[in-house]
Amino acid sequence: MDMPLRAADFHGSDLDGVIPNESELTAGVRIVPGRSYGFFTDTTLCIGCKACEVACKEWNNLPADHLGLTGDSYDNTGALSANTWRHVNFVEHGVRDDYGTPAQSGWLMMSDVCKHCHNAPCLEACPTGAAFRIEFDTVVVQQDVCNGCGYCVPACPFGVIDVSTLDGKAHKCTLCYDRLKGGLEPACAKSCPTNSIQFGEVTELRQLQPILLTCRMPRPAFSLRFSIQRCGNGSARQLKM
């Protein structure tokens, strides 16, 4: 079988090994244990390409969800689940009147993910200690400790965590714990082509938080460590608090 030209041209690496602290090059932040990390997602920059979804599934080896069409907008994954740890919402919010095209819908694309709450309800509801807080101040689930009781599922106010039908264990976003330990930024943030998903220390991300404005969209603002910042043009920003 013929090898593609690109693969033939770049058959090896010019590097001697793994780049130390690669996140400094890709995200401008050094990952240090004991500090709090998270995402700042600016939906005004999101183009709905779902690169973050694909990167998440690829890195974490997650199976596909809902292989058929849902008939609900352009969204084929539908929602966060045990197999989908990132989900791009396609929110249709009325007919646009600025371009003069009849029946042209206005869209808001928002990439949703676990909020890694400061007071995480899933962690508090877990009877076995499978959900725990790691050295980067995020919450992960140990599947070998999880007994599959599912108490964490109704405890989560954001519908993030879910029990898998494949292994009977709870699964959710880990903020790419294994990548953080290796000095890499999370796969979803690194793959975002418009820098809509920005990774960094929570204290620095808070400085990106814009002034809260009243928005036309009837969407609640979340507390905990995550909030939706609304803008007067119908867009929204989300920040892990």
C-alpha atoms as a PDB file:
ATOM      1  CA  MET A   1       0.000   0.000   0.000  1.00  0.00           C
ATOM      2  CA  ASP A   2       1.347   3.397  -0.994  1.00  0.00           C
ATOM      3  CA  MET A   3       2.177   5.752   1.851  1.00  0.00           C
ATOM      4  CA  PRO A   4       0.538   9.200   1.760  1.00  0.00           C
ATOM      5  CA  LEU A   5       2.939  11.958   0.744  1.00  0.00           C
ATOM      6  CA  ARG A   6       2.661  13.770   4.064  1.00  0.00           C
ATOM      7  CA  ALA A   7       3.503  10.614   5.986  1.00  0.00           C
ATOM      8  CA  ALA A   8       6.421   9.947   3.640  1.00  0.00           C
ATOM      9  CA  ASP A   9       7.785  13.451   4.147  1.00  0.00           C
ATOM     10  CA  PHE A  10       7.443  13.363   7.923  1.00  0.00           C
ATOM     11  CA  HIS A  11       8.211   9.774   8.813  1.00  0.00           C
ATOM     12  CA  GLY A  12      10.117  10.621  11.972  1.00  0.00           C
ATOM     13  CA  SER A  13      10.593  13.259  14.630  1.00  0.00           C
ATOM     14  CA  ASP A  14      13.369  15.830  14.805  1.00  0.00           C
ATOM     15  CA  LEU A  15      13.096  15.864  18.588  1.00  0.00           C
ATOM     16  CA  ASP A  16      15.240  13.749  20.876  1.00  0.00           C
ATOM     17  CA  GLY A  17      12.324  13.119  23.227  1.00  0.00           C
ATOM     18  CA  VAL A  18       9.233  14.559  24.853  1.00  0.00           C
ATOM     19  CA  ILE A  19       9.196  18.356  25.113  1.00  0.00           C
ATOM     20  CA  PRO A  20       9.404  19.245  28.815  1.00  0.00           C
ATOM     21  CA  ASN A  21       6.591  21.501  30.006  1.00  0.00           C
ATOM     22  CA  GLU A  22       5.034  21.583  26.547  1.00  0.00           C
ATOM     23  CA  SER A  23       2.025  23.485  27.927  1.00  0.00           C
ATOM     24  CA  GLU A  24       4.236  26.564  28.177  1.00  0.00           C
ATOM     25  CA  LEU A  25       4.539  26.501  24.377  1.00  0.00           C
ATOM     26  CA  THR A  26       0.936  25.625  23.551  1.00  0.00           C
ATOM     27  CA  ALA A  27      -1.010  27.380  26.330  1.00  0.00           C
ATOM     28  CA  GLY A  28       1.480  29.776  27.892  1.00  0.00           C
ATOM     29  CA  VAL A  29       1.182  28.174  31.321  1.00  0.00           C
ATOM     30  CA  ARG A  30       3.417  25.859  33.335  1.00  0.00           C
ATOM     31  CA  ILE A  31       1.551  23.020  35.045  1.00  0.00           C
ATOM     32  CA  VAL A  32       2.587  22.785  38.684  1.00  0.00           C
ATOM     33  CA  PRO A  33       1.010  20.453  41.285  1.00  0.00           C
ATOM     34  CA  GLY A  34      -0.797  22.330  44.027  1.00  0.00           C
ATOM     35  CA  ARG A  35      -2.264  24.972  41.722  1.00  0.00           C
ATOM     36  CA  SER A  36      -5.824  25.151  40.403  1.00  0.00           C
ATOM     37  CA  TYR A  37      -6.375  24.720  36.656  1.00  0.00           C
ATOM     38  CA  GLY A  38      -9.435  25.013  34.459  1.00  0.00           C
ATOM     39  CA  PHE A  39     -10.952  26.288  31.211  1.00  0.00           C
ATOM     40  CA  PHE A  40     -12.198  29.630  29.974  1.00  0.00           C
ATOM     41  CA  THR A  41     -14.537  29.038  27.040  1.00  0.00           C
ATOM     42  CA  ASP A  42     -15.429  32.006  24.849  1.00  0.00           C
ATOM     43  CA  THR A  43     -18.419  30.997  22.740  1.00  0.00           C
ATOM     44  CA  THR A  44     -18.091  34.085  20.543  1.00  0.00           C
ATOM     45  CA  LEU A  45     -15.069  32.321  19.036  1.00  0.00           C
ATOM     46  CA  CYS A  46     -16.586  28.831  18.806  1.00  0.00           C
ATOM     47  CA  ILE A  47     -17.357  27.733  15.231  1.00  0.00           C
ATOM     48  CA  GLY A  48     -18.968  24.422  16.205  1.00  0.00           C
ATOM     49  CA  CYS A  49     -16.311  22.299  14.483  1.00  0.00           C
ATOM     50  CA  LYS A  50     -16.377  19.700  17.307  1.00  0.00           C
ATOM     51  CA  ALA A  51     -12.588  19.308  17.169  1.00  0.00           C
ATOM     52  CA  CYS A  52     -12.634  19.325  20.978  1.00  0.00           C
ATOM     53  CA  GLU A  53     -15.084  16.410  21.036  1.00  0.00           C
ATOM     54  CA  VAL A  54     -12.967  14.381  18.633  1.00  0.00           C
ATOM     55  CA  ALA A  55      -9.714  15.155  20.458  1.00  0.00           C
ATOM     56  CA  CYS A  56     -11.280  14.136  23.775  1.00  0.00           C
ATOM     57  CA  LYS A  57     -12.531  10.840  22.408  1.00  0.00           C
ATOM     58  CA  GLU A  58      -9.253  10.173  20.613  1.00  0.00           C
ATOM     59  CA  TRP A  59      -7.014  10.798  23.614  1.00  0.00           C
ATOM     60  CA  ASN A  60      -9.230   8.999  26.134  1.00  0.00           C
ATOM     61  CA  ASN A  61     -10.127   6.154  23.742  1.00  0.00           C
ATOM     62  CA  LEU A  62     -13.864   6.744  24.145  1.00  0.00           C
ATOM     63  CA  PRO A  63     -16.397   5.002  21.898  1.00  0.00           C
ATOM     64  CA  ALA A  64     -18.789   6.927  19.695  1.00  0.00           C
ATOM     65  CA  ASP A  65     -22.276   7.881  20.869  1.00  0.00           C
ATOM     66  CA  HIS A  66     -25.454   8.030  18.756  1.00  0.00           C
ATOM     67  CA  LEU A  67     -24.102   6.955  15.391  1.00  0.00           C
ATOM     68  CA  GLY A  68     -27.350   7.937  13.674  1.00  0.00           C
ATOM     69  CA  LEU A  69     -28.856  11.367  13.132  1.00  0.00           C
ATOM     70  CA  THR A  70     -30.824  12.756  16.080  1.00  0.00           C
ATOM     71  CA  GLY A  71     -32.836  15.222  14.005  1.00  0.00           C
ATOM     72  CA  ASP A  72     -32.009  17.873  16.595  1.00  0.00           C
ATOM     73  CA  SER A  73     -30.046  20.603  14.866  1.00  0.00           C
ATOM     74  CA  TYR A  74     -26.504  19.695  13.810  1.00  0.00           C
ATOM     75  CA  ASP A  75     -25.816  17.995  17.115  1.00  0.00           C
ATOM     76  CA  ASN A  76     -25.226  14.258  16.776  1.00  0.00           C
ATOM     77  CA  THR A  77     -23.879  13.490  20.254  1.00  0.00           C
ATOM     78  CA  GLY A  78     -26.897  14.973  22.020  1.00  0.00           C
ATOM     79  CA  ALA A  79     -25.476  15.426  25.515  1.00  0.00           C
ATOM     80  CA  LEU A  80     -22.610  14.660  27.843  1.00  0.00           C
ATOM     81  CA  SER A  81     -22.413  10.998  28.807  1.00  0.00           C
ATOM     82  CA  ALA A  82     -20.076   8.282  30.047  1.00  0.00           C
ATOM     83  CA  ASN A  83     -18.653   8.084  26.525  1.00  0.00           C
ATOM     84  CA  THR A  84     -18.848  11.787  25.600  1.00  0.00           C
ATOM     85  CA  TRP A  85     -16.901  13.979  28.006  1.00  0.00           C
ATOM     86  CA  ARG A  86     -17.085  17.090  25.791  1.00  0.00           C
ATOM     87  CA  HIS A  87     -20.198  18.151  23.973  1.00  0.00           C
ATOM     88  CA  VAL A  88     -20.738  21.093  21.639  1.00  0.00           C
ATOM     89  CA  ASN A  89     -24.251  22.481  22.048  1.00  0.00           C
ATOM     90  CA  PHE A  90     -25.880  23.998  18.972  1.00  0.00           C
ATOM     91  CA  VAL A  91     -28.390  26.463  20.419  1.00  0.00           C
ATOM     92  CA  GLU A  92     -30.790  28.008  17.942  1.00  0.00           C
ATOM     93  CA  HIS A  93     -32.163  31.241  19.331  1.00  0.00           C
ATOM     94  CA  GLY A  94     -34.364  32.931  16.791  1.00  0.00           C
ATOM     95  CA  VAL A  95     -34.284  34.171  13.247  1.00  0.00           C
ATOM     96  CA  ARG A  96     -31.566  36.650  12.388  1.00  0.00           C
ATOM     97  CA  ASP A  97     -32.583  39.907  10.770  1.00  0.00           C
ATOM     98  CA  ASP A  98     -29.135  41.392  10.156  1.00  0.00           C
ATOM     99  CA  TYR A  99     -28.285  39.651   6.866  1.00  0.00           C
ATOM    100  CA  GLY A 100     -31.665  39.910   5.236  1.00  0.00           C
ATOM    101  CA  THR A 101     -31.827  36.210   4.416  1.00  0.00           C
ATOM    102  CA  PRO A 102     -35.306  34.766   5.051  1.00  0.00           C
ATOM    103  CA  ALA A 103     -35.507  32.191   7.845  1.00  0.00           C
ATOM    104  CA  GLN A 104     -31.787  32.462   8.585  1.00  0.00           C
ATOM    105  CA  SER A 105     -31.358  31.105  12.112  1.00  0.00           C
ATOM    106  CA  GLY A 106     -29.078  32.559  14.734  1.00  0.00           C
ATOM    107  CA  TRP A 107     -26.775  30.012  16.351  1.00  0.00           C
ATOM    108  CA  LEU A 108     -24.847  29.861  19.573  1.00  0.00           C
ATOM    109  CA  MET A 109     -22.276  27.069  19.754  1.00  0.00           C
ATOM    110  CA  MET A 110     -21.119  26.246  23.278  1.00  0.00           C
ATOM    111  CA  SER A 111     -18.640  23.505  24.144  1.00  0.00           C
ATOM    112  CA  ASP A 112     -19.743  21.979  27.442  1.00  0.00           C
ATOM    113  CA  VAL A 113     -17.632  19.938  29.840  1.00  0.00           C
ATOM    114  CA  CYS A 114     -17.307  18.983  33.505  1.00  0.00           C
ATOM    115  CA  LYS A 115     -17.001  22.046  35.756  1.00  0.00           C
ATOM    116  CA  HIS A 116     -14.708  20.401  38.345  1.00  0.00           C
ATOM    117  CA  CYS A 117     -16.667  22.208  41.050  1.00  0.00           C
ATOM    118  CA  HIS A 118     -15.012  23.610  44.154  1.00  0.00           C
ATOM    119  CA  ASN A 119     -17.665  21.865  46.282  1.00  0.00           C
ATOM    120  CA  ALA A 120     -18.271  18.950  43.942  1.00  0.00           C
ATOM    121  CA  PRO A 121     -21.650  17.251  44.612  1.00  0.00           C
ATOM    122  CA  CYS A 122     -20.523  14.078  42.823  1.00  0.00           C
ATOM    123  CA  LEU A 123     -17.548  13.801  45.155  1.00  0.00           C
ATOM    124  CA  GLU A 124     -19.694  14.338  48.228  1.00  0.00           C
ATOM    125  CA  ALA A 125     -22.295  11.794  47.075  1.00  0.00           C
ATOM    126  CA  CYS A 126     -19.785   9.049  46.289  1.00  0.00           C
ATOM    127  CA  PRO A 127     -19.925   6.378  49.051  1.00  0.00           C
ATOM    128  CA  THR A 128     -16.695   4.600  48.067  1.00  0.00           C
ATOM    129  CA  GLY A 129     -14.336   7.534  47.556  1.00  0.00           C
ATOM    130  CA  ALA A 130     -13.983   6.735  43.856  1.00  0.00           C
ATOM    131  CA  ALA A 131     -14.457  10.436  43.083  1.00  0.00           C
ATOM    132  CA  PHE A 132     -11.613  12.427  44.554  1.00  0.00           C
ATOM    133  CA  ARG A 133      -9.726  15.706  44.095  1.00  0.00           C
ATOM    134  CA  ILE A 134      -6.264  15.542  42.564  1.00  0.00           C
ATOM    135  CA  GLU A 135      -3.200  17.742  42.961  1.00  0.00           C
ATOM    136  CA  PHE A 136      -4.361  20.077  40.177  1.00  0.00           C
ATOM    137  CA  ASP A 137      -7.580  20.864  42.078  1.00  0.00           C
ATOM    138  CA  THR A 138      -9.817  18.941  39.690  1.00  0.00           C
ATOM    139  CA  VAL A 139     -12.125  15.974  40.299  1.00  0.00           C
ATOM    140  CA  VAL A 140     -11.593  12.545  38.755  1.00  0.00           C
ATOM    141  CA  VAL A 141     -13.201   9.122  39.197  1.00  0.00           C
ATOM    142  CA  GLN A 142     -11.274   5.897  39.838  1.00  0.00           C
ATOM    143  CA  GLN A 143     -13.189   3.200  37.993  1.00  0.00           C
ATOM    144  CA  ASP A 144     -11.492   0.410  39.968  1.00  0.00           C
ATOM    145  CA  VAL A 145     -12.954   1.870  43.194  1.00  0.00           C
ATOM    146  CA  CYS A 146     -16.376   2.806  41.758  1.00  0.00           C
ATOM    147  CA  ASN A 147     -19.149   0.333  42.634  1.00  0.00           C
ATOM    148  CA  GLY A 148     -21.552   1.657  39.995  1.00  0.00           C
ATOM    149  CA  CYS A 149     -24.186   2.819  42.494  1.00  0.00           C
ATOM    150  CA  GLY A 150     -24.915   5.912  40.397  1.00  0.00           C
ATOM    151  CA  TYR A 151     -25.433   8.269  43.356  1.00  0.00           C
ATOM    152  CA  CYS A 152     -23.151  10.797  41.655  1.00  0.00           C
ATOM    153  CA  VAL A 153     -25.406  11.063  38.586  1.00  0.00           C
ATOM    154  CA  PRO A 154     -28.410  12.841  40.196  1.00  0.00           C
ATOM    155  CA  ALA A 155     -26.027  14.727  42.508  1.00  0.00           C
ATOM    156  CA  CYS A 156     -24.409  16.574  39.594  1.00  0.00           C
ATOM    157  CA  PRO A 157     -26.453  19.733  38.829  1.00  0.00           C
ATOM    158  CA  PHE A 158     -25.007  19.958  35.322  1.00  0.00           C
ATOM    159  CA  GLY A 159     -25.759  16.456  34.042  1.00  0.00           C
ATOM    160  CA  VAL A 160     -22.078  15.733  33.487  1.00  0.00           C
ATOM    161  CA  ILE A 161     -21.246  12.423  35.143  1.00  0.00           C
ATOM    162  CA  ASP A 162     -22.819   9.217  33.877  1.00  0.00           C
ATOM    163  CA  VAL A 163     -22.639   5.474  34.491  1.00  0.00           C
ATOM    164  CA  SER A 164     -21.415   3.514  31.485  1.00  0.00           C
ATOM    165  CA  THR A 165     -23.470   0.655  30.086  1.00  0.00           C
ATOM    166  CA  LEU A 166     -20.210  -1.003  29.040  1.00  0.00           C
ATOM    167  CA  ASP A 167     -18.509  -1.439  32.418  1.00  0.00           C
ATOM    168  CA  GLY A 168     -21.124  -0.225  34.915  1.00  0.00           C
ATOM    169  CA  LYS A 169     -18.766   2.453  36.268  1.00  0.00           C
ATOM    170  CA  ALA A 170     -19.097   6.238  36.491  1.00  0.00           C
ATOM    171  CA  HIS A 171     -17.159   8.276  33.932  1.00  0.00           C
ATOM    172  CA  LYS A 172     -16.577  11.960  33.231  1.00  0.00           C
ATOM    173  CA  CYS A 173     -13.947  14.481  32.149  1.00  0.00           C
ATOM    174  CA  THR A 174     -10.660  14.260  34.063  1.00  0.00           C
ATOM    175  CA  LEU A 175      -9.272  17.532  32.652  1.00  0.00           C
ATOM    176  CA  CYS A 176      -6.814  15.131  30.993  1.00  0.00           C
ATOM    177  CA  TYR A 177      -5.167  14.193  34.296  1.00  0.00           C
ATOM    178  CA  ASP A 178      -2.575  12.045  32.542  1.00  0.00           C
ATOM    179  CA  ARG A 179      -1.650  14.906  30.213  1.00  0.00           C
ATOM    180  CA  LEU A 180      -1.368  17.368  33.097  1.00  0.00           C
ATOM    181  CA  LYS A 181       1.047  15.038  34.870  1.00  0.00           C
ATOM    182  CA  GLY A 182       3.145  15.014  31.698  1.00  0.00           C
ATOM    183  CA  GLY A 183       3.160  18.797  31.327  1.00  0.00           C
ATOM    184  CA  LEU A 184       0.643  18.819  28.456  1.00  0.00           C
ATOM    185  CA  GLU A 185      -2.465  20.964  28.208  1.00  0.00           C
ATOM    186  CA  PRO A 186      -5.792  19.092  27.871  1.00  0.00           C
ATOM    187  CA  ALA A 187      -6.462  17.631  24.431  1.00  0.00           C
ATOM    188  CA  CYS A 188      -9.650  19.619  23.819  1.00  0.00           C
ATOM    189  CA  ALA A 189      -7.982  22.987  24.465  1.00  0.00           C
ATOM    190  CA  LYS A 190      -4.952  22.114  22.370  1.00  0.00           C
ATOM    191  CA  SER A 191      -7.110  21.071  19.407  1.00  0.00           C
ATOM    192  CA  CYS A 192      -9.381  24.150  19.405  1.00  0.00           C
ATOM    193  CA  PRO A 193      -8.592  26.014  16.139  1.00  0.00           C
ATOM    194  CA  THR A 194     -10.011  29.376  17.249  1.00  0.00           C
ATOM    195  CA  ASN A 195      -8.705  29.346  20.846  1.00  0.00           C
ATOM    196  CA  SER A 196     -12.287  29.364  22.072  1.00  0.00           C
ATOM    197  CA  ILE A 197     -11.235  26.918  24.807  1.00  0.00           C
ATOM    198  CA  GLN A 198      -8.427  28.435  26.829  1.00  0.00           C
ATOM    199  CA  PHE A 199      -6.582  26.440  29.487  1.00  0.00           C
ATOM    200  CA  GLY A 200      -4.724  27.935  32.421  1.00  0.00           C
ATOM    201  CA  GLU A 201      -4.637  28.677  36.117  1.00  0.00           C
ATOM    202  CA  VAL A 202      -8.042  29.632  37.485  1.00  0.00           C
ATOM    203  CA  THR A 203      -6.643  32.791  39.079  1.00  0.00           C
ATOM    204  CA  GLU A 204      -5.387  33.968  35.684  1.00  0.00           C
ATOM    205  CA  LEU A 205      -8.514  32.888  33.818  1.00  0.00           C
ATOM    206  CA  ARG A 206     -10.625  34.996  36.166  1.00  0.00           C
ATOM    207  CA  GLN A 207      -8.861  38.051  34.807  1.00  0.00           C
ATOM    208  CA  LEU A 208     -10.376  37.238  31.408  1.00  0.00           C
ATOM    209  CA  GLN A 209     -13.877  37.400  32.841  1.00  0.00           C
ATOM    210  CA  PRO A 210     -15.759  40.212  31.102  1.00  0.00           C
ATOM    211  CA  ILE A 211     -18.232  42.551  32.745  1.00  0.00           C
ATOM    212  CA  LEU A 212     -21.562  40.767  33.156  1.00  0.00           C
ATOM    213  CA  LEU A 213     -24.187  42.135  30.830  1.00  0.00           C
ATOM    214  CA  THR A 214     -27.846  41.343  30.369  1.00  0.00           C
ATOM    215  CA  CYS A 215     -28.403  38.921  27.536  1.00  0.00           C
ATOM    216  CA  ARG A 216     -31.476  38.139  25.495  1.00  0.00           C
ATOM    217  CA  MET A 217     -31.021  34.401  25.993  1.00  0.00           C
ATOM    218  CA  PRO A 218     -33.015  33.020  28.953  1.00  0.00           C
ATOM    219  CA  ARG A 219     -30.122  30.889  30.211  1.00  0.00           C
ATOM    220  CA  PRO A 220     -29.237  30.787  33.931  1.00  0.00           C
ATOM    221  CA  ALA A 221     -25.870  31.862  35.239  1.00  0.00           C
ATOM    222  CA  PHE A 222     -24.181  29.045  37.156  1.00  0.00           C
ATOM    223  CA  SER A 223     -22.396  29.444  40.435  1.00  0.00           C
ATOM    224  CA  LEU A 224     -19.895  27.009  41.951  1.00  0.00           C
ATOM    225  CA  ARG A 225     -16.706  27.236  39.889  1.00  0.00           C
ATOM    226  CA  PHE A 226     -18.448  27.784  36.587  1.00  0.00           C
ATOM    227  CA  SER A 227     -20.485  30.616  35.211  1.00  0.00           C
ATOM    228  CA  ILE A 228     -22.087  31.793  32.021  1.00  0.00           C
ATOM    229  CA  GLN A 229     -21.202  35.350  31.119  1.00  0.00           C
ATOM    230  CA  ARG A 230     -23.838  36.792  28.855  1.00  0.00           C
ATOM    231  CA  CYS A 231     -23.330  39.508  26.293  1.00  0.00           C
ATOM    232  CA  GLY A 232     -25.840  41.824  24.718  1.00  0.00           C
ATOM    233  CA  ASN A 233     -25.293  40.334  21.252  1.00  0.00           C
ATOM    234  CA  GLY A 234     -26.744  36.961  22.273  1.00  0.00           C
ATOM    235  CA  SER A 235     -23.399  35.278  22.792  1.00  0.00           C
ATOM    236  CA  ALA A 236     -22.166  33.768  26.024  1.00  0.00           C
ATOM    237  CA  ARG A 237     -18.931  33.085  27.811  1.00  0.00           C
ATOM    238  CA  GLN A 238     -18.340  30.346  30.338  1.00  0.00           C
ATOM    239  CA  LEU A 239     -15.689  30.304  33.014  1.00  0.00           C
ATOM    240  CA  LYS A 240     -14.720  27.667  35.508  1.00  0.00           C
ATOM    241  CA  MET A 241     -14.788  29.626  38.750  1.00  0.00           C
END
